Protein backbone atom coordinates (compact mmCIF):
# COMPACT_ATOMS: atom_id res chain seq x y z
CA MET A 1 59.84 -14.86 -87.25
CA ILE A 2 57.42 -16.14 -84.83
CA ASN A 3 58.99 -14.30 -81.72
CA ILE A 4 58.65 -11.07 -83.44
CA HIS A 5 55.14 -11.44 -84.27
CA THR A 6 54.22 -12.63 -80.83
CA HIS A 7 55.70 -9.90 -79.24
CA LEU A 8 54.21 -7.07 -81.63
CA SER A 9 50.65 -8.52 -81.07
CA PRO A 10 49.98 -7.42 -77.65
CA ILE A 11 51.69 -4.12 -78.17
CA ILE A 12 49.41 -3.32 -81.31
CA SER A 13 46.37 -4.85 -79.58
CA ILE A 14 46.84 -2.25 -76.59
CA ILE A 15 47.48 0.75 -78.92
CA ALA A 16 44.49 -0.13 -80.91
CA GLY A 17 42.19 -0.57 -77.89
CA VAL A 18 43.27 2.81 -76.37
CA VAL A 19 42.77 4.43 -79.86
CA ILE A 20 39.21 2.43 -80.35
CA LEU A 21 38.24 3.92 -76.84
CA LEU A 22 39.18 7.47 -77.79
CA MET A 23 37.78 7.44 -81.31
CA PRO A 24 35.28 4.58 -81.65
CA ARG A 25 34.61 5.62 -85.32
CA LEU A 26 37.85 4.20 -86.03
CA LEU A 27 37.11 0.77 -85.20
CA ASN A 28 35.97 -0.17 -88.82
CA TYR A 29 39.40 1.04 -90.18
CA ILE A 30 41.39 -0.62 -87.62
CA VAL A 31 39.80 -3.77 -87.90
CA ALA A 32 39.94 -3.83 -91.76
CA ILE A 33 43.71 -2.67 -91.76
CA TYR A 34 44.35 -5.51 -89.10
CA LEU A 35 42.59 -8.08 -91.39
CA ILE A 36 44.56 -6.99 -94.29
CA LEU A 37 47.74 -7.09 -92.79
CA ILE A 38 47.09 -10.69 -91.09
CA GLY A 39 45.93 -11.93 -94.60
CA ILE A 40 49.28 -10.39 -96.16
CA ILE A 41 51.43 -11.93 -93.76
CA GLY A 42 49.62 -15.31 -93.75
CA LEU A 43 50.05 -15.54 -97.64
CA ASP A 44 53.84 -14.78 -97.04
CA LEU A 45 53.78 -11.76 -99.34
CA VAL A 46 55.65 -9.80 -96.88
CA ARG A 47 58.54 -11.31 -94.61
CA VAL A 48 58.09 -10.40 -90.94
């Protein structure tokens, strides 16, 4: 469980960084979605 999360995190970060560089207006949406997903995973509502 932890290994999957640690491998996905850098990949998601790189993709998000590239998208933010290309389209800065998406920053708010990307951050909001990221925070919501981390919250859901943190509450164990979704098994990763």
